[in-house]
C-alpha atoms as a PDB file:
ATOM      1  CA  MET A   1    -185.398  77.404 -20.980  1.00  0.00           C
ATOM      2  CA  SER A   2    -184.406  75.971 -17.596  1.00  0.00           C
ATOM      3  CA  ALA A   3    -183.503  72.323 -17.156  1.00  0.00           C
ATOM      4  CA  LEU A   4    -186.180  69.919 -15.996  1.00  0.00           C
ATOM      5  CA  PRO A   5    -185.945  68.880 -12.329  1.00  0.00           C
ATOM      6  CA  VAL A   6    -184.056  65.684 -11.535  1.00  0.00           C
ATOM      7  CA  PRO A   7    -186.350  62.670 -10.988  1.00  0.00           C
ATOM      8  CA  ASP A   8    -186.620  61.520  -7.352  1.00  0.00           C
ATOM      9  CA  THR A   9    -189.047  58.574  -7.476  1.00  0.00           C
ATOM     10  CA  ALA A  10    -189.363  55.156  -9.092  1.00  0.00           C
ATOM     11  CA  HIS A  11    -193.061  55.582  -9.971  1.00  0.00           C
ATOM     12  CA  LEU A  12    -194.011  56.548 -13.512  1.00  0.00           C
ATOM     13  CA  ILE A  13    -196.997  58.560 -12.262  1.00  0.00           C
ATOM     14  CA  GLU A  14    -197.748  59.639  -8.714  1.00  0.00           C
ATOM     15  CA  MET A  15    -200.707  61.916  -7.950  1.00  0.00           C
ATOM     16  CA  ARG A  16    -201.541  63.030  -4.429  1.00  0.00           C
ATOM     17  CA  GLU A  17    -204.788  64.850  -3.543  1.00  0.00           C
ATOM     18  CA  LEU A  18    -204.846  66.334  -7.023  1.00  0.00           C
ATOM     19  CA  THR A  19    -207.670  68.698  -7.955  1.00  0.00           C
ATOM     20  CA  ARG A  20    -208.605  70.623 -11.090  1.00  0.00           C
ATOM     21  CA  VAL A  21    -211.088  73.449 -10.730  1.00  0.00           C
ATOM     22  CA  TYR A  22    -212.339  75.631 -13.575  1.00  0.00           C
ATOM     23  CA  ASP A  23    -213.674  79.119 -12.870  1.00  0.00           C
ATOM     24  CA  LEU A  24    -216.612  79.880 -15.159  1.00  0.00           C
ATOM     25  CA  GLY A  25    -217.616  83.386 -14.129  1.00  0.00           C
ATOM     26  CA  PRO A  26    -219.092  83.143 -10.630  1.00  0.00           C
ATOM     27  CA  GLN A  27    -219.321  79.348 -10.884  1.00  0.00           C
ATOM     28  CA  GLN A  28    -216.592  76.834 -10.049  1.00  0.00           C
ATOM     29  CA  ILE A  29    -216.516  73.453 -11.775  1.00  0.00           C
ATOM     30  CA  PHE A  30    -214.664  70.723  -9.849  1.00  0.00           C
ATOM     31  CA  ALA A  31    -213.449  68.411 -12.618  1.00  0.00           C
ATOM     32  CA  LEU A  32    -211.039  66.436 -10.391  1.00  0.00           C
ATOM     33  CA  ARG A  33    -211.570  66.069  -6.654  1.00  0.00           C
ATOM     34  CA  GLY A  34    -208.604  64.807  -4.642  1.00  0.00           C
ATOM     35  CA  VAL A  35    -207.237  62.214  -7.065  1.00  0.00           C
ATOM     36  CA  ASN A  36    -204.690  59.764  -5.651  1.00  0.00           C
ATOM     37  CA  LEU A  37    -203.107  57.571  -8.297  1.00  0.00           C
ATOM     38  CA  ILE A  38    -199.893  55.588  -8.739  1.00  0.00           C
ATOM     39  CA  ILE A  39    -198.879  53.947 -12.028  1.00  0.00           C
ATOM     40  CA  GLU A  40    -195.625  52.043 -12.333  1.00  0.00           C
ATOM     41  CA  PRO A  41    -193.249  51.911 -15.329  1.00  0.00           C
ATOM     42  CA  GLY A  42    -194.274  49.225 -17.819  1.00  0.00           C
ATOM     43  CA  GLU A  43    -197.948  49.139 -16.798  1.00  0.00           C
ATOM     44  CA  TYR A  44    -200.796  48.941 -19.325  1.00  0.00           C
ATOM     45  CA  VAL A  45    -203.721  50.846 -17.807  1.00  0.00           C
ATOM     46  CA  ALA A  46    -207.177  51.754 -19.091  1.00  0.00           C
ATOM     47  CA  ILE A  47    -209.060  54.774 -17.710  1.00  0.00           C
ATOM     48  CA  MET A  48    -212.837  54.550 -17.929  1.00  0.00           C
ATOM     49  CA  GLY A  49    -215.643  56.857 -16.914  1.00  0.00           C
ATOM     50  CA  PRO A  50    -218.971  58.256 -18.119  1.00  0.00           C
ATOM     51  CA  SER A  51    -219.307  61.613 -19.843  1.00  0.00           C
ATOM     52  CA  GLY A  52    -218.579  64.409 -17.370  1.00  0.00           C
ATOM     53  CA  SER A  53    -216.711  62.104 -14.976  1.00  0.00           C
ATOM     54  CA  GLY A  54    -213.405  63.958 -15.262  1.00  0.00           C
ATOM     55  CA  LYS A  55    -211.866  61.366 -17.596  1.00  0.00           C
ATOM     56  CA  SER A  56    -210.745  63.905 -20.223  1.00  0.00           C
ATOM     57  CA  THR A  57    -209.433  66.307 -17.580  1.00  0.00           C
ATOM     58  CA  LEU A  58    -207.416  63.513 -15.965  1.00  0.00           C
ATOM     59  CA  MET A  59    -205.980  62.574 -19.358  1.00  0.00           C
ATOM     60  CA  ASN A  60    -205.046  66.199 -20.051  1.00  0.00           C
ATOM     61  CA  VAL A  61    -203.309  66.510 -16.673  1.00  0.00           C
ATOM     62  CA  ILE A  62    -201.464  63.190 -17.148  1.00  0.00           C
ATOM     63  CA  GLY A  63    -200.379  64.425 -20.598  1.00  0.00           C
ATOM     64  CA  CYS A  64    -199.207  67.805 -19.235  1.00  0.00           C
ATOM     65  CA  LEU A  65    -201.742  69.559 -21.480  1.00  0.00           C
ATOM     66  CA  ASP A  66    -203.352  70.962 -18.322  1.00  0.00           C
ATOM     67  CA  THR A  67    -202.035  71.606 -14.815  1.00  0.00           C
ATOM     68  CA  PRO A  68    -203.555  70.809 -11.420  1.00  0.00           C
ATOM     69  CA  SER A  69    -205.245  73.476  -9.321  1.00  0.00           C
ATOM     70  CA  SER A  70    -203.864  71.879  -6.144  1.00  0.00           C
ATOM     71  CA  GLY A  71    -202.149  68.705  -5.017  1.00  0.00           C
ATOM     72  CA  SER A  72    -199.069  67.117  -6.581  1.00  0.00           C
ATOM     73  CA  TYR A  73    -198.281  65.249  -9.785  1.00  0.00           C
ATOM     74  CA  LEU A  74    -194.932  63.559 -10.335  1.00  0.00           C
ATOM     75  CA  LEU A  75    -194.232  62.247 -13.834  1.00  0.00           C
ATOM     76  CA  ASP A  76    -191.057  60.160 -13.854  1.00  0.00           C
ATOM     77  CA  GLY A  77    -190.190  61.991 -10.641  1.00  0.00           C
ATOM     78  CA  VAL A  78    -190.686  65.459 -12.151  1.00  0.00           C
ATOM     79  CA  PRO A  79    -193.126  67.695 -10.181  1.00  0.00           C
ATOM     80  CA  VAL A  80    -195.381  68.801 -13.032  1.00  0.00           C
ATOM     81  CA  GLU A  81    -197.281  71.413 -11.030  1.00  0.00           C
ATOM     82  CA  THR A  82    -194.076  73.471 -10.664  1.00  0.00           C
ATOM     83  CA  LEU A  83    -193.285  73.695 -14.409  1.00  0.00           C
ATOM     84  CA  ASN A  84    -193.733  76.745 -16.613  1.00  0.00           C
ATOM     85  CA  ASP A  85    -195.165  76.581 -20.142  1.00  0.00           C
ATOM     86  CA  ASP A  86    -191.788  75.987 -21.821  1.00  0.00           C
ATOM     87  CA  GLU A  87    -190.919  73.220 -19.366  1.00  0.00           C
ATOM     88  CA  LEU A  88    -194.345  71.611 -19.863  1.00  0.00           C
ATOM     89  CA  ALA A  89    -193.802  71.635 -23.633  1.00  0.00           C
ATOM     90  CA  ALA A  90    -190.363  70.059 -23.137  1.00  0.00           C
ATOM     91  CA  ILE A  91    -191.671  67.290 -20.884  1.00  0.00           C
ATOM     92  CA  ARG A  92    -194.524  66.550 -23.311  1.00  0.00           C
ATOM     93  CA  ASN A  93    -192.091  66.177 -26.189  1.00  0.00           C
ATOM     94  CA  LYS A  94    -189.555  64.122 -24.235  1.00  0.00           C
ATOM     95  CA  LYS A  95    -191.644  61.898 -21.971  1.00  0.00           C
ATOM     96  CA  ILE A  96    -195.111  61.458 -23.547  1.00  0.00           C
ATOM     97  CA  GLY A  97    -196.228  60.006 -26.861  1.00  0.00           C
ATOM     98  CA  PHE A  98    -199.815  60.907 -27.787  1.00  0.00           C
ATOM     99  CA  VAL A  99    -202.182  58.762 -29.873  1.00  0.00           C
ATOM    100  CA  PHE A 100    -205.495  60.416 -30.761  1.00  0.00           C
ATOM    101  CA  GLN A 101    -208.768  59.017 -32.092  1.00  0.00           C
ATOM    102  CA  THR A 102    -208.524  61.318 -35.137  1.00  0.00           C
ATOM    103  CA  PHE A 103    -204.877  60.394 -36.002  1.00  0.00           C
ATOM    104  CA  ASN A 104    -203.847  64.114 -36.362  1.00  0.00           C
ATOM    105  CA  LEU A 105    -201.499  63.471 -39.286  1.00  0.00           C
ATOM    106  CA  LEU A 106    -200.281  66.173 -41.674  1.00  0.00           C
ATOM    107  CA  ALA A 107    -202.065  65.562 -44.974  1.00  0.00           C
ATOM    108  CA  ARG A 108    -199.442  66.495 -47.569  1.00  0.00           C
ATOM    109  CA  THR A 109    -196.444  64.788 -45.992  1.00  0.00           C
ATOM    110  CA  THR A 110    -195.317  61.169 -46.058  1.00  0.00           C
ATOM    111  CA  ALA A 111    -195.661  58.685 -43.220  1.00  0.00           C
ATOM    112  CA  LEU A 112    -191.928  59.047 -42.597  1.00  0.00           C
ATOM    113  CA  GLN A 113    -192.133  62.857 -42.390  1.00  0.00           C
ATOM    114  CA  ASN A 114    -195.118  62.661 -40.026  1.00  0.00           C
ATOM    115  CA  VAL A 115    -193.182  60.365 -37.712  1.00  0.00           C
ATOM    116  CA  GLU A 116    -190.120  62.628 -37.844  1.00  0.00           C
ATOM    117  CA  LEU A 117    -192.047  65.653 -36.597  1.00  0.00           C
ATOM    118  CA  PRO A 118    -191.426  65.288 -32.823  1.00  0.00           C
ATOM    119  CA  LEU A 119    -187.723  64.871 -33.586  1.00  0.00           C
ATOM    120  CA  VAL A 120    -187.720  68.174 -35.483  1.00  0.00           C
ATOM    121  CA  TYR A 121    -189.022  69.892 -32.338  1.00  0.00           C
ATOM    122  CA  ALA A 122    -186.360  68.046 -30.324  1.00  0.00           C
ATOM    123  CA  LYS A 123    -183.682  69.443 -32.700  1.00  0.00           C
ATOM    124  CA  ILE A 124    -182.406  65.991 -33.713  1.00  0.00           C
ATOM    125  CA  SER A 125    -180.150  65.931 -36.790  1.00  0.00           C
ATOM    126  CA  ARG A 126    -181.731  65.074 -40.155  1.00  0.00           C
ATOM    127  CA  ALA A 127    -179.863  61.762 -40.547  1.00  0.00           C
ATOM    128  CA  GLU A 128    -180.726  60.587 -37.031  1.00  0.00           C
ATOM    129  CA  ARG A 129    -184.350  61.710 -37.488  1.00  0.00           C
ATOM    130  CA  ARG A 130    -184.697  59.551 -40.561  1.00  0.00           C
ATOM    131  CA  GLN A 131    -183.152  56.514 -38.889  1.00  0.00           C
ATOM    132  CA  LEU A 132    -185.321  56.792 -35.762  1.00  0.00           C
ATOM    133  CA  ALA A 133    -188.502  57.376 -37.812  1.00  0.00           C
ATOM    134  CA  GLU A 134    -187.761  54.353 -40.003  1.00  0.00           C
ATOM    135  CA  GLU A 135    -187.197  52.200 -36.906  1.00  0.00           C
ATOM    136  CA  ALA A 136    -190.519  53.368 -35.417  1.00  0.00           C
ATOM    137  CA  LEU A 137    -192.421  52.579 -38.622  1.00  0.00           C
ATOM    138  CA  VAL A 138    -190.823  49.135 -38.811  1.00  0.00           C
ATOM    139  CA  ALA A 139    -191.881  48.549 -35.180  1.00  0.00           C
ATOM    140  CA  VAL A 140    -195.560  49.136 -36.106  1.00  0.00           C
ATOM    141  CA  GLY A 141    -195.378  47.020 -39.275  1.00  0.00           C
ATOM    142  CA  LEU A 142    -195.270  49.819 -41.865  1.00  0.00           C
ATOM    143  CA  HIS A 143    -191.818  49.331 -43.349  1.00  0.00           C
ATOM    144  CA  ASP A 144    -193.381  49.245 -46.838  1.00  0.00           C
ATOM    145  CA  ARG A 145    -195.539  52.384 -46.435  1.00  0.00           C
ATOM    146  CA  MET A 146    -192.961  54.974 -45.386  1.00  0.00           C
ATOM    147  CA  SER A 147    -193.283  57.130 -48.519  1.00  0.00           C
ATOM    148  CA  HIS A 148    -197.107  57.056 -48.614  1.00  0.00           C
ATOM    149  CA  GLN A 149    -199.175  60.098 -47.657  1.00  0.00           C
ATOM    150  CA  PRO A 150    -202.136  59.701 -45.255  1.00  0.00           C
ATOM    151  CA  ASN A 151    -204.727  59.707 -48.076  1.00  0.00           C
ATOM    152  CA  GLU A 152    -202.933  56.669 -49.547  1.00  0.00           C
ATOM    153  CA  LEU A 153    -203.267  54.717 -46.295  1.00  0.00           C
ATOM    154  CA  SER A 154    -206.162  52.872 -44.657  1.00  0.00           C
ATOM    155  CA  GLY A 155    -207.531  54.020 -41.300  1.00  0.00           C
ATOM    156  CA  GLY A 156    -205.600  51.325 -39.490  1.00  0.00           C
ATOM    157  CA  GLN A 157    -202.382  52.246 -41.281  1.00  0.00           C
ATOM    158  CA  ARG A 158    -202.902  55.914 -40.403  1.00  0.00           C
ATOM    159  CA  GLN A 159    -203.314  54.993 -36.748  1.00  0.00           C
ATOM    160  CA  ARG A 160    -200.109  52.923 -36.971  1.00  0.00           C
ATOM    161  CA  VAL A 161    -198.307  56.004 -38.334  1.00  0.00           C
ATOM    162  CA  ALA A 162    -199.697  57.994 -35.396  1.00  0.00           C
ATOM    163  CA  ILE A 163    -198.458  55.321 -32.973  1.00  0.00           C
ATOM    164  CA  ALA A 164    -195.008  55.317 -34.617  1.00  0.00           C
ATOM    165  CA  ARG A 165    -194.907  59.116 -34.252  1.00  0.00           C
ATOM    166  CA  ALA A 166    -195.840  58.741 -30.577  1.00  0.00           C
ATOM    167  CA  LEU A 167    -193.052  56.199 -30.035  1.00  0.00           C
ATOM    168  CA  VAL A 168    -190.265  57.845 -32.026  1.00  0.00           C
ATOM    169  CA  ASN A 169    -188.891  59.882 -29.104  1.00  0.00           C
ATOM    170  CA  LYS A 170    -188.823  56.715 -26.946  1.00  0.00           C
ATOM    171  CA  PRO A 171    -191.108  58.383 -24.377  1.00  0.00           C
ATOM    172  CA  SER A 172    -191.716  57.193 -20.825  1.00  0.00           C
ATOM    173  CA  LEU A 173    -195.446  56.952 -21.528  1.00  0.00           C
ATOM    174  CA  LEU A 174    -197.740  56.209 -24.477  1.00  0.00           C
ATOM    175  CA  LEU A 175    -201.033  58.050 -23.851  1.00  0.00           C
ATOM    176  CA  ALA A 176    -203.878  56.928 -26.118  1.00  0.00           C
ATOM    177  CA  ASP A 177    -207.272  58.668 -26.291  1.00  0.00           C
ATOM    178  CA  GLU A 178    -209.983  56.337 -27.726  1.00  0.00           C
ATOM    179  CA  PRO A 179    -207.373  54.881 -30.146  1.00  0.00           C
ATOM    180  CA  THR A 180    -209.868  52.566 -31.875  1.00  0.00           C
ATOM    181  CA  GLY A 181    -212.790  55.007 -31.899  1.00  0.00           C
ATOM    182  CA  ASN A 182    -212.608  55.777 -35.636  1.00  0.00           C
ATOM    183  CA  LEU A 183    -211.819  52.239 -36.770  1.00  0.00           C
ATOM    184  CA  ASP A 184    -213.926  49.250 -37.765  1.00  0.00           C
ATOM    185  CA  SER A 185    -213.846  46.246 -35.438  1.00  0.00           C
ATOM    186  CA  GLN A 186    -211.248  44.252 -37.387  1.00  0.00           C
ATOM    187  CA  THR A 187    -208.871  47.216 -37.733  1.00  0.00           C
ATOM    188  CA  GLY A 188    -209.441  48.133 -34.093  1.00  0.00           C
ATOM    189  CA  ARG A 189    -208.466  44.576 -33.156  1.00  0.00           C
ATOM    190  CA  GLU A 190    -205.206  44.973 -35.092  1.00  0.00           C
ATOM    191  CA  ILE A 191    -204.386  48.205 -33.235  1.00  0.00           C
ATOM    192  CA  LEU A 192    -205.141  46.591 -29.856  1.00  0.00           C
ATOM    193  CA  ASP A 193    -202.890  43.666 -30.805  1.00  0.00           C
ATOM    194  CA  LEU A 194    -200.173  46.196 -31.617  1.00  0.00           C
ATOM    195  CA  PHE A 195    -200.604  47.772 -28.170  1.00  0.00           C
ATOM    196  CA  GLN A 196    -200.249  44.332 -26.586  1.00  0.00           C
ATOM    197  CA  ASP A 197    -197.030  43.833 -28.542  1.00  0.00           C
ATOM    198  CA  LEU A 198    -195.697  47.261 -27.507  1.00  0.00           C
ATOM    199  CA  HIS A 199    -196.567  46.526 -23.875  1.00  0.00           C
ATOM    200  CA  SER A 200    -194.768  43.173 -24.058  1.00  0.00           C
ATOM    201  CA  ARG A 201    -191.683  45.076 -25.203  1.00  0.00           C
ATOM    202  CA  GLY A 202    -191.785  47.228 -22.066  1.00  0.00           C
ATOM    203  CA  ASN A 203    -193.766  50.278 -23.160  1.00  0.00           C
ATOM    204  CA  SER A 204    -195.919  51.997 -20.540  1.00  0.00           C
ATOM    205  CA  ILE A 205    -199.424  52.598 -21.912  1.00  0.00           C
ATOM    206  CA  ILE A 206    -202.411  54.540 -20.575  1.00  0.00           C
ATOM    207  CA  MET A 207    -205.515  54.223 -22.721  1.00  0.00           C
ATOM    208  CA  VAL A 208    -208.633  56.331 -22.212  1.00  0.00           C
ATOM    209  CA  THR A 209    -211.765  54.584 -23.459  1.00  0.00           C
ATOM    210  CA  HIS A 210    -215.500  54.275 -22.845  1.00  0.00           C
ATOM    211  CA  GLU A 211    -215.667  50.753 -24.315  1.00  0.00           C
ATOM    212  CA  ASP A 212    -215.590  47.819 -21.877  1.00  0.00           C
ATOM    213  CA  ASP A 213    -214.082  45.361 -24.352  1.00  0.00           C
ATOM    214  CA  VAL A 214    -211.275  47.783 -25.219  1.00  0.00           C
ATOM    215  CA  ALA A 215    -210.570  48.507 -21.545  1.00  0.00           C
ATOM    216  CA  ARG A 216    -210.272  44.781 -20.812  1.00  0.00           C
ATOM    217  CA  GLU A 217    -207.209  44.692 -23.099  1.00  0.00           C
ATOM    218  CA  ALA A 218    -205.305  46.556 -20.383  1.00  0.00           C
ATOM    219  CA  LYS A 219    -203.805  44.868 -17.326  1.00  0.00           C
ATOM    220  CA  ARG A 220    -205.514  47.323 -14.940  1.00  0.00           C
ATOM    221  CA  ILE A 221    -208.681  49.375 -15.261  1.00  0.00           C
ATOM    222  CA  ILE A 222    -209.059  52.652 -13.388  1.00  0.00           C
ATOM    223  CA  HIS A 223    -212.582  54.006 -13.037  1.00  0.00           C
ATOM    224  CA  ILE A 224    -213.293  57.694 -12.582  1.00  0.00           C
ATOM    225  CA  ARG A 225    -216.635  59.138 -11.525  1.00  0.00           C
ATOM    226  CA  ASP A 226    -217.542  62.608 -10.256  1.00  0.00           C
ATOM    227  CA  GLY A 227    -213.881  63.624 -10.420  1.00  0.00           C
ATOM    228  CA  LYS A 228    -212.690  60.810  -8.133  1.00  0.00           C
ATOM    229  CA  VAL A 229    -210.613  57.775  -9.050  1.00  0.00           C
ATOM    230  CA  LYS A 230    -210.897  54.227  -7.843  1.00  0.00           C
ATOM    231  CA  ASP A 231    -209.292  51.027  -9.148  1.00  0.00           C
END
């Protein structure tokens, strides 16, 4: 696997005239239409948009789960549109921590083992994996739940494990997709408070949500409609 390109910009995210077009037989679907977007390191941003607006496509491109059809996308100075599949996997593991609505935890493993998983892919030694995973769980307030399996944890605790897993590689960006969507209001409030705490410690956060009150937790709201972005 070739080395990732050397960063050449101070922006965390820089998109220029970015498009994403899907070919469905004879029909073309324009999911993103000339997106221009700059996000700086340390920002806490919410992305909002109605169903079919291009919100999910934008999130997938930001997270290097999908690639642009045209235009440019620099993540930490790395031109994403030039990367092959192996390089995209490497940049996802190194630079992005994902938090999903459905937690996506492995059922028959402990909280600690779930958090260690990205470090296994990164080929970190067993001793260092354990130390980093413990530190991440302490950071999200789960120092006393490390040996518990997901079915022994509440929904909020499971989401905290997922957030610890997202943070364990010390990524450039925490990307959260409807992080409170499966939680009751009180537990959702606790998770949003945790995000505020992580942001205050310098973490860059992009949160995709359709809820106005959740979006207002962020310091900037980006609206997307018909594949176009405007602040």
